[in-house]
């Protein structure tokens, strides 16, 4: 008996040969401007998901702005900017 496991494309409701582009916004919480831009992109349908940098300085603002969007966690081990550090 052969397995008929559906592909991700099919599980998302598209034909097996469809090509999809998933735009994910990165670094939510890093800067105020990033938060504004990410939520703007999500709310206008330009992007489909985002990831939050929890230890970043503007994470609380991003959390307070949350309204049910598809947001995951961005694993953040360090602050990569030489003059903009946190953690």
PDB file of N, CA and C in Angstrom:
ATOM      1  N   UNK A   1       0.845  -1.170   0.000  1.00  0.00           N
ATOM      2  CA  UNK A   1       0.000   0.000   0.000  1.00  0.00           C
ATOM      3  C   UNK A   1       0.893   1.238   0.000  1.00  0.00           C
ATOM      4  N   UNK A   2       0.802   2.023  -1.042  1.00  0.00           N
ATOM      5  CA  UNK A   2       1.645   3.209  -1.187  1.00  0.00           C
ATOM      6  C   UNK A   2       1.099   4.366  -0.357  1.00  0.00           C
ATOM      7  N   UNK A   3       2.009   5.129   0.206  1.00  0.00           N
ATOM      8  CA  UNK A   3       1.632   6.308   0.979  1.00  0.00           C
ATOM      9  C   UNK A   3       1.294   7.463   0.036  1.00  0.00           C
ATOM     10  N   UNK A   4       0.199   8.141   0.303  1.00  0.00           N
ATOM     11  CA  UNK A   4      -0.205   9.285  -0.521  1.00  0.00           C
ATOM     12  C   UNK A   4      -0.149  10.562   0.314  1.00  0.00           C
ATOM     13  N   UNK A   5       0.995  10.792   0.898  1.00  0.00           N
ATOM     14  CA  UNK A   5       1.181  11.966   1.742  1.00  0.00           C
ATOM     15  C   UNK A   5       1.137  13.231   0.884  1.00  0.00           C
ATOM     16  N   UNK A   6       0.333  14.203   1.296  1.00  0.00           N
ATOM     17  CA  UNK A   6       0.208  15.451   0.548  1.00  0.00           C
ATOM     18  C   UNK A   6       1.408  16.353   0.796  1.00  0.00           C
ATOM     19  N   UNK A   7       1.774  17.083  -0.239  1.00  0.00           N
ATOM     20  CA  UNK A   7       2.862  18.053  -0.110  1.00  0.00           C
ATOM     21  C   UNK A   7       2.354  19.273   0.655  1.00  0.00           C
ATOM     22  N   UNK A   8       3.264  20.124   1.093  1.00  0.00           N
ATOM     23  CA  UNK A   8       2.888  21.353   1.782  1.00  0.00           C
ATOM     24  C   UNK A   8       1.992  22.213   0.900  1.00  0.00           C
ATOM     25  N   UNK A   9       2.325  22.295  -0.379  1.00  0.00           N
ATOM     26  CA  UNK A   9       1.525  23.086  -1.319  1.00  0.00           C
ATOM     27  C   UNK A   9       0.076  22.586  -1.328  1.00  0.00           C
ATOM     28  N   UNK A  10      -0.103  21.277  -1.352  1.00  0.00           N
ATOM     29  CA  UNK A  10      -1.452  20.700  -1.355  1.00  0.00           C
ATOM     30  C   UNK A  10      -2.159  20.920  -0.018  1.00  0.00           C
ATOM     31  N   UNK A  11      -1.416  20.794   1.076  1.00  0.00           N
ATOM     32  CA  UNK A  11      -2.027  21.017   2.390  1.00  0.00           C
ATOM     33  C   UNK A  11      -2.461  22.463   2.572  1.00  0.00           C
ATOM     34  N   UNK A  12      -1.834  23.382   1.839  1.00  0.00           N
ATOM     35  CA  UNK A  12      -2.232  24.789   1.877  1.00  0.00           C
ATOM     36  C   UNK A  12      -3.409  25.076   0.953  1.00  0.00           C
ATOM     37  N   UNK A  13      -3.887  24.051   0.253  1.00  0.00           N
ATOM     38  CA  UNK A  13      -5.075  24.191  -0.569  1.00  0.00           C
ATOM     39  C   UNK A  13      -4.823  24.484  -2.031  1.00  0.00           C
ATOM     40  N   UNK A  14      -3.600  24.284  -2.497  1.00  0.00           N
ATOM     41  CA  UNK A  14      -3.253  24.558  -3.890  1.00  0.00           C
ATOM     42  C   UNK A  14      -3.006  23.251  -4.638  1.00  0.00           C
ATOM     43  N   UNK A  15      -2.957  23.347  -5.960  1.00  0.00           N
ATOM     44  CA  UNK A  15      -2.698  22.152  -6.766  1.00  0.00           C
ATOM     45  C   UNK A  15      -1.259  21.686  -6.538  1.00  0.00           C
ATOM     46  N   UNK A  16      -0.987  20.410  -6.766  1.00  0.00           N
ATOM     47  CA  UNK A  16       0.352  19.870  -6.494  1.00  0.00           C
ATOM     48  C   UNK A  16       1.465  20.544  -7.291  1.00  0.00           C
ATOM     49  N   UNK A  17       1.131  21.151  -8.412  1.00  0.00           N
ATOM     50  CA  UNK A  17       2.156  21.771  -9.256  1.00  0.00           C
ATOM     51  C   UNK A  17       2.238  23.284  -9.087  1.00  0.00           C
ATOM     52  N   UNK A  18       1.466  23.837  -8.169  1.00  0.00           N
ATOM     53  CA  UNK A  18       1.488  25.290  -7.940  1.00  0.00           C
ATOM     54  C   UNK A  18       2.820  25.698  -7.318  1.00  0.00           C
ATOM     55  N   UNK A  19       3.232  26.901  -7.630  1.00  0.00           N
ATOM     56  CA  UNK A  19       4.433  27.469  -7.008  1.00  0.00           C
ATOM     57  C   UNK A  19       3.990  28.597  -6.093  1.00  0.00           C
ATOM     58  N   UNK A  20       4.476  28.584  -4.876  1.00  0.00           N
ATOM     59  CA  UNK A  20       4.083  29.576  -3.887  1.00  0.00           C
ATOM     60  C   UNK A  20       5.293  30.380  -3.441  1.00  0.00           C
ATOM     61  N   UNK A  21       5.037  31.610  -3.069  1.00  0.00           N
ATOM     62  CA  UNK A  21       6.056  32.456  -2.457  1.00  0.00           C
ATOM     63  C   UNK A  21       5.534  32.840  -1.081  1.00  0.00           C
ATOM     64  N   UNK A  22       6.291  32.514  -0.063  1.00  0.00           N
ATOM     65  CA  UNK A  22       5.929  32.886   1.301  1.00  0.00           C
ATOM     66  C   UNK A  22       6.920  33.949   1.746  1.00  0.00           C
ATOM     67  N   UNK A  23       6.422  35.161   1.963  1.00  0.00           N
ATOM     68  CA  UNK A  23       7.281  36.255   2.406  1.00  0.00           C
ATOM     69  C   UNK A  23       7.177  36.387   3.914  1.00  0.00           C
ATOM     70  N   UNK A  24       8.305  36.235   4.579  1.00  0.00           N
ATOM     71  CA  UNK A  24       8.358  36.331   6.030  1.00  0.00           C
ATOM     72  C   UNK A  24       9.189  37.541   6.427  1.00  0.00           C
ATOM     73  N   UNK A  25       8.639  38.348   7.307  1.00  0.00           N
ATOM     74  CA  UNK A  25       9.364  39.524   7.807  1.00  0.00           C
ATOM     75  C   UNK A  25      10.239  39.098   8.978  1.00  0.00           C
ATOM     76  N   UNK A  26      11.464  39.521   8.950  1.00  0.00           N
ATOM     77  CA  UNK A  26      12.459  39.140   9.947  1.00  0.00           C
ATOM     78  C   UNK A  26      12.732  40.309  10.891  1.00  0.00           C
ATOM     79  N   UNK A  27      13.208  40.015  12.084  1.00  0.00           N
ATOM     80  CA  UNK A  27      13.701  41.000  13.054  1.00  0.00           C
ATOM     81  C   UNK A  27      12.624  41.881  13.671  1.00  0.00           C
ATOM     82  N   UNK A  28      11.404  41.395  13.784  1.00  0.00           N
ATOM     83  CA  UNK A  28      10.367  42.129  14.503  1.00  0.00           C
ATOM     84  C   UNK A  28      10.845  42.319  15.939  1.00  0.00           C
ATOM     85  N   UNK A  29      10.757  43.529  16.438  1.00  0.00           N
ATOM     86  CA  UNK A  29      11.201  43.837  17.793  1.00  0.00           C
ATOM     87  C   UNK A  29      12.566  44.483  17.863  1.00  0.00           C
ATOM     88  N   UNK A  30      13.329  44.458  16.783  1.00  0.00           N
ATOM     89  CA  UNK A  30      14.680  45.018  16.800  1.00  0.00           C
ATOM     90  C   UNK A  30      14.674  46.543  16.842  1.00  0.00           C
ATOM     91  N   UNK A  31      13.788  47.157  16.101  1.00  0.00           N
ATOM     92  CA  UNK A  31      13.715  48.616  15.994  1.00  0.00           C
ATOM     93  C   UNK A  31      12.245  49.027  15.917  1.00  0.00           C
ATOM     94  N   UNK A  32      11.938  50.233  16.326  1.00  0.00           N
ATOM     95  CA  UNK A  32      10.568  50.739  16.197  1.00  0.00           C
ATOM     96  C   UNK A  32      10.145  50.730  14.732  1.00  0.00           C
ATOM     97  N   UNK A  33      11.019  51.195  13.848  1.00  0.00           N
ATOM     98  CA  UNK A  33      10.695  51.239  12.417  1.00  0.00           C
ATOM     99  C   UNK A  33      10.444  49.838  11.858  1.00  0.00           C
ATOM    100  N   UNK A  34      11.176  48.847  12.352  1.00  0.00           N
ATOM    101  CA  UNK A  34      10.955  47.467  11.904  1.00  0.00           C
ATOM    102  C   UNK A  34       9.557  47.006  12.303  1.00  0.00           C
ATOM    103  N   UNK A  35       9.148  47.325  13.513  1.00  0.00           N
ATOM    104  CA  UNK A  35       7.809  46.939  13.966  1.00  0.00           C
ATOM    105  C   UNK A  35       6.732  47.553  13.080  1.00  0.00           C
ATOM    106  N   UNK A  36       6.863  48.846  12.802  1.00  0.00           N
ATOM    107  CA  UNK A  36       5.879  49.535  11.969  1.00  0.00           C
ATOM    108  C   UNK A  36       5.846  48.902  10.576  1.00  0.00           C
ATOM    109  N   UNK A  37       7.016  48.681   9.999  1.00  0.00           N
ATOM    110  CA  UNK A  37       7.098  48.105   8.658  1.00  0.00           C
ATOM    111  C   UNK A  37       6.576  46.687   8.584  1.00  0.00           C
ATOM    112  N   UNK A  38       6.906  45.875   9.570  1.00  0.00           N
ATOM    113  CA  UNK A  38       6.456  44.480   9.581  1.00  0.00           C
ATOM    114  C   UNK A  38       4.936  44.409   9.691  1.00  0.00           C
ATOM    115  N   UNK A  39       4.371  45.124  10.647  1.00  0.00           N
ATOM    116  CA  UNK A  39       2.914  45.078  10.797  1.00  0.00           C
ATOM    117  C   UNK A  39       2.205  45.684   9.593  1.00  0.00           C
ATOM    118  N   UNK A  40       2.784  46.699   8.992  1.00  0.00           N
ATOM    119  CA  UNK A  40       2.206  47.285   7.783  1.00  0.00           C
ATOM    120  C   UNK A  40       2.190  46.248   6.655  1.00  0.00           C
ATOM    121  N   UNK A  41       3.311  45.547   6.482  1.00  0.00           N
ATOM    122  CA  UNK A  41       3.396  44.518   5.435  1.00  0.00           C
ATOM    123  C   UNK A  41       2.409  43.381   5.692  1.00  0.00           C
ATOM    124  N   UNK A  42       2.291  42.954   6.937  1.00  0.00           N
ATOM    125  CA  UNK A  42       1.357  41.873   7.273  1.00  0.00           C
ATOM    126  C   UNK A  42      -0.094  42.304   7.057  1.00  0.00           C
ATOM    127  N   UNK A  43      -0.423  43.490   7.507  1.00  0.00           N
ATOM    128  CA  UNK A  43      -1.811  43.957   7.410  1.00  0.00           C
ATOM    129  C   UNK A  43      -2.233  44.280   5.983  1.00  0.00           C
ATOM    130  N   UNK A  44      -1.277  44.622   5.127  1.00  0.00           N
ATOM    131  CA  UNK A  44      -1.594  44.906   3.725  1.00  0.00           C
ATOM    132  C   UNK A  44      -1.489  43.670   2.841  1.00  0.00           C
ATOM    133  N   UNK A  45      -1.091  42.538   3.419  1.00  0.00           N
ATOM    134  CA  UNK A  45      -1.000  41.299   2.659  1.00  0.00           C
ATOM    135  C   UNK A  45       0.266  41.154   1.838  1.00  0.00           C
ATOM    136  N   UNK A  46       1.236  42.031   2.055  1.00  0.00           N
ATOM    137  CA  UNK A  46       2.506  41.949   1.334  1.00  0.00           C
ATOM    138  C   UNK A  46       3.328  40.773   1.856  1.00  0.00           C
ATOM    139  N   UNK A  47       3.280  40.542   3.157  1.00  0.00           N
ATOM    140  CA  UNK A  47       3.980  39.423   3.791  1.00  0.00           C
ATOM    141  C   UNK A  47       2.943  38.524   4.449  1.00  0.00           C
ATOM    142  N   UNK A  48       3.311  37.277   4.676  1.00  0.00           N
ATOM    143  CA  UNK A  48       2.373  36.323   5.258  1.00  0.00           C
ATOM    144  C   UNK A  48       2.697  35.944   6.698  1.00  0.00           C
ATOM    145  N   UNK A  49       3.920  36.231   7.144  1.00  0.00           N
ATOM    146  CA  UNK A  49       4.299  35.877   8.502  1.00  0.00           C
ATOM    147  C   UNK A  49       5.516  36.695   8.920  1.00  0.00           C
ATOM    148  N   UNK A  50       5.867  36.589  10.189  1.00  0.00           N
ATOM    149  CA  UNK A  50       7.016  37.325  10.719  1.00  0.00           C
ATOM    150  C   UNK A  50       7.610  36.545  11.879  1.00  0.00           C
ATOM    151  N   UNK A  51       8.787  36.995  12.322  1.00  0.00           N
ATOM    152  CA  UNK A  51       9.409  36.374  13.492  1.00  0.00           C
ATOM    153  C   UNK A  51       9.877  37.461  14.451  1.00  0.00           C
ATOM    154  N   UNK A  52       9.624  37.244  15.742  1.00  0.00           N
ATOM    155  CA  UNK A  52       9.913  38.207  16.801  1.00  0.00           C
ATOM    156  C   UNK A  52      11.225  37.877  17.495  1.00  0.00           C
ATOM    157  N   UNK A  53      12.086  38.882  17.625  1.00  0.00           N
ATOM    158  CA  UNK A  53      13.330  38.758  18.391  1.00  0.00           C
ATOM    159  C   UNK A  53      13.002  39.153  19.832  1.00  0.00           C
ATOM    160  N   UNK A  54      12.749  38.184  20.687  1.00  0.00           N
ATOM    161  CA  UNK A  54      12.244  38.431  22.035  1.00  0.00           C
ATOM    162  C   UNK A  54      13.173  39.296  22.892  1.00  0.00           C
ATOM    163  N   UNK A  55      14.507  39.127  22.892  1.00  0.00           N
ATOM    164  CA  UNK A  55      15.335  39.968  23.755  1.00  0.00           C
ATOM    165  C   UNK A  55      15.626  41.361  23.188  1.00  0.00           C
ATOM    166  N   UNK A  56      15.137  41.662  22.014  1.00  0.00           N
ATOM    167  CA  UNK A  56      15.432  42.945  21.375  1.00  0.00           C
ATOM    168  C   UNK A  56      14.690  44.090  22.079  1.00  0.00           C
ATOM    169  N   UNK A  57      15.214  45.315  21.965  1.00  0.00           N
ATOM    170  CA  UNK A  57      14.680  46.459  22.700  1.00  0.00           C
ATOM    171  C   UNK A  57      13.223  46.819  22.391  1.00  0.00           C
ATOM    172  N   UNK A  58      12.761  46.562  21.199  1.00  0.00           N
ATOM    173  CA  UNK A  58      11.405  46.944  20.817  1.00  0.00           C
ATOM    174  C   UNK A  58      10.452  45.753  20.782  1.00  0.00           C
ATOM    175  N   UNK A  59      10.827  44.648  21.423  1.00  0.00           N
ATOM    176  CA  UNK A  59       9.972  43.457  21.441  1.00  0.00           C
ATOM    177  C   UNK A  59       8.657  43.714  22.164  1.00  0.00           C
ATOM    178  N   UNK A  60       8.712  44.424  23.277  1.00  0.00           N
ATOM    179  CA  UNK A  60       7.478  44.685  24.036  1.00  0.00           C
ATOM    180  C   UNK A  60       6.493  45.495  23.189  1.00  0.00           C
ATOM    181  N   UNK A  61       6.993  46.468  22.450  1.00  0.00           N
ATOM    182  CA  UNK A  61       6.141  47.254  21.554  1.00  0.00           C
ATOM    183  C   UNK A  61       5.511  46.346  20.499  1.00  0.00           C
ATOM    184  N   UNK A  62       6.313  45.447  19.939  1.00  0.00           N
ATOM    185  CA  UNK A  62       5.801  44.514  18.932  1.00  0.00           C
ATOM    186  C   UNK A  62       4.723  43.612  19.527  1.00  0.00           C
ATOM    187  N   UNK A  63       4.945  43.147  20.739  1.00  0.00           N
ATOM    188  CA  UNK A  63       3.969  42.285  21.412  1.00  0.00           C
ATOM    189  C   UNK A  63       2.675  43.049  21.675  1.00  0.00           C
ATOM    190  N   UNK A  64       2.797  44.287  22.128  1.00  0.00           N
ATOM    191  CA  UNK A  64       1.609  45.097  22.400  1.00  0.00           C
ATOM    192  C   UNK A  64       0.847  45.448  21.126  1.00  0.00           C
ATOM    193  N   UNK A  65       1.513  45.408  19.989  1.00  0.00           N
ATOM    194  CA  UNK A  65       0.873  45.715  18.702  1.00  0.00           C
ATOM    195  C   UNK A  65       0.239  44.481  18.064  1.00  0.00           C
ATOM    196  N   UNK A  66       0.471  43.317  18.645  1.00  0.00           N
ATOM    197  CA  UNK A  66      -0.012  42.050  18.080  1.00  0.00           C
ATOM    198  C   UNK A  66      -1.534  42.015  18.003  1.00  0.00           C
ATOM    199  N   UNK A  67      -2.048  41.571  16.849  1.00  0.00           N
ATOM    200  CA  UNK A  67      -3.498  41.487  16.655  1.00  0.00           C
ATOM    201  C   UNK A  67      -3.868  40.201  15.902  1.00  0.00           C
ATOM    202  N   UNK A  68      -3.218  39.102  16.252  1.00  0.00           N
ATOM    203  CA  UNK A  68      -3.562  37.820  15.652  1.00  0.00           C
ATOM    204  C   UNK A  68      -2.776  37.451  14.401  1.00  0.00           C
ATOM    205  N   UNK A  69      -1.777  38.230  14.040  1.00  0.00           N
ATOM    206  CA  UNK A  69      -0.966  37.920  12.857  1.00  0.00           C
ATOM    207  C   UNK A  69      -0.172  36.630  13.086  1.00  0.00           C
ATOM    208  N   UNK A  70       0.317  36.032  11.999  1.00  0.00           N
ATOM    209  CA  UNK A  70       1.098  34.793  12.061  1.00  0.00           C
ATOM    210  C   UNK A  70       2.544  35.151  12.396  1.00  0.00           C
ATOM    211  N   UNK A  71       2.881  35.089  13.695  1.00  0.00           N
ATOM    212  CA  UNK A  71       4.213  35.500  14.150  1.00  0.00           C
ATOM    213  C   UNK A  71       4.839  34.377  14.962  1.00  0.00           C
ATOM    214  N   UNK A  72       6.069  34.040  14.605  1.00  0.00           N
ATOM    215  CA  UNK A  72       6.829  33.033  15.324  1.00  0.00           C
ATOM    216  C   UNK A  72       7.956  33.679  16.112  1.00  0.00           C
ATOM    217  N   UNK A  73       8.826  32.855  16.649  1.00  0.00           N
ATOM    218  CA  UNK A  73       9.950  33.337  17.450  1.00  0.00           C
ATOM    219  C   UNK A  73      11.229  33.236  16.640  1.00  0.00           C
ATOM    220  N   UNK A  74      11.992  34.307  16.621  1.00  0.00           N
ATOM    221  CA  UNK A  74      13.293  34.364  15.955  1.00  0.00           C
ATOM    222  C   UNK A  74      14.334  34.021  17.020  1.00  0.00           C
ATOM    223  N   UNK A  75      15.010  32.898  16.875  1.00  0.00           N
ATOM    224  CA  UNK A  75      16.049  32.515  17.828  1.00  0.00           C
ATOM    225  C   UNK A  75      17.163  33.551  17.774  1.00  0.00           C
ATOM    226  N   UNK A  76      17.377  34.245  18.891  1.00  0.00           N
ATOM    227  CA  UNK A  76      18.338  35.347  18.941  1.00  0.00           C
ATOM    228  C   UNK A  76      19.390  35.026  19.992  1.00  0.00           C
ATOM    229  N   UNK A  77      20.618  34.791  19.557  1.00  0.00           N
ATOM    230  CA  UNK A  77      21.694  34.449  20.486  1.00  0.00           C
ATOM    231  C   UNK A  77      22.586  35.627  20.821  1.00  0.00           C
ATOM    232  N   UNK A  78      22.622  36.614  19.943  1.00  0.00           N
ATOM    233  CA  UNK A  78      23.446  37.794  20.204  1.00  0.00           C
ATOM    234  C   UNK A  78      22.901  38.988  19.425  1.00  0.00           C
ATOM    235  N   UNK A  79      23.443  40.162  19.723  1.00  0.00           N
ATOM    236  CA  UNK A  79      23.100  41.376  18.981  1.00  0.00           C
ATOM    237  C   UNK A  79      24.229  41.607  17.987  1.00  0.00           C
ATOM    238  N   UNK A  80      23.923  41.554  16.709  1.00  0.00           N
ATOM    239  CA  UNK A  80      24.965  41.591  15.683  1.00  0.00           C
ATOM    240  C   UNK A  80      25.502  42.979  15.375  1.00  0.00           C
ATOM    241  N   UNK A  81      24.824  44.014  15.854  1.00  0.00           N
ATOM    242  CA  UNK A  81      25.221  45.386  15.530  1.00  0.00           C
ATOM    243  C   UNK A  81      26.231  45.901  16.559  1.00  0.00           C
ATOM    244  N   UNK A  82      27.340  46.439  16.095  1.00  0.00           N
ATOM    245  CA  UNK A  82      28.418  46.880  16.987  1.00  0.00           C
ATOM    246  C   UNK A  82      27.996  48.016  17.921  1.00  0.00           C
ATOM    247  N   UNK A  83      27.156  48.925  17.453  1.00  0.00           N
ATOM    248  CA  UNK A  83      26.783  50.070  18.296  1.00  0.00           C
ATOM    249  C   UNK A  83      25.331  50.006  18.780  1.00  0.00           C
ATOM    250  N   UNK A  84      24.655  48.907  18.550  1.00  0.00           N
ATOM    251  CA  UNK A  84      23.271  48.742  18.991  1.00  0.00           C
ATOM    252  C   UNK A  84      23.157  47.366  19.625  1.00  0.00           C
ATOM    253  N   UNK A  85      23.451  47.292  20.921  1.00  0.00           N
ATOM    254  CA  UNK A  85      23.536  46.009  21.619  1.00  0.00           C
ATOM    255  C   UNK A  85      22.363  45.837  22.583  1.00  0.00           C
ATOM    256  N   UNK A  86      22.034  44.612  22.876  1.00  0.00           N
ATOM    257  CA  UNK A  86      21.028  44.295  23.874  1.00  0.00           C
ATOM    258  C   UNK A  86      21.291  42.907  24.408  1.00  0.00           C
ATOM    259  N   UNK A  87      20.509  42.504  25.395  1.00  0.00           N
ATOM    260  CA  UNK A  87      20.581  41.148  25.888  1.00  0.00           C
ATOM    261  C   UNK A  87      21.242  40.998  27.212  1.00  0.00           C
TER     262      UNK A  87
END
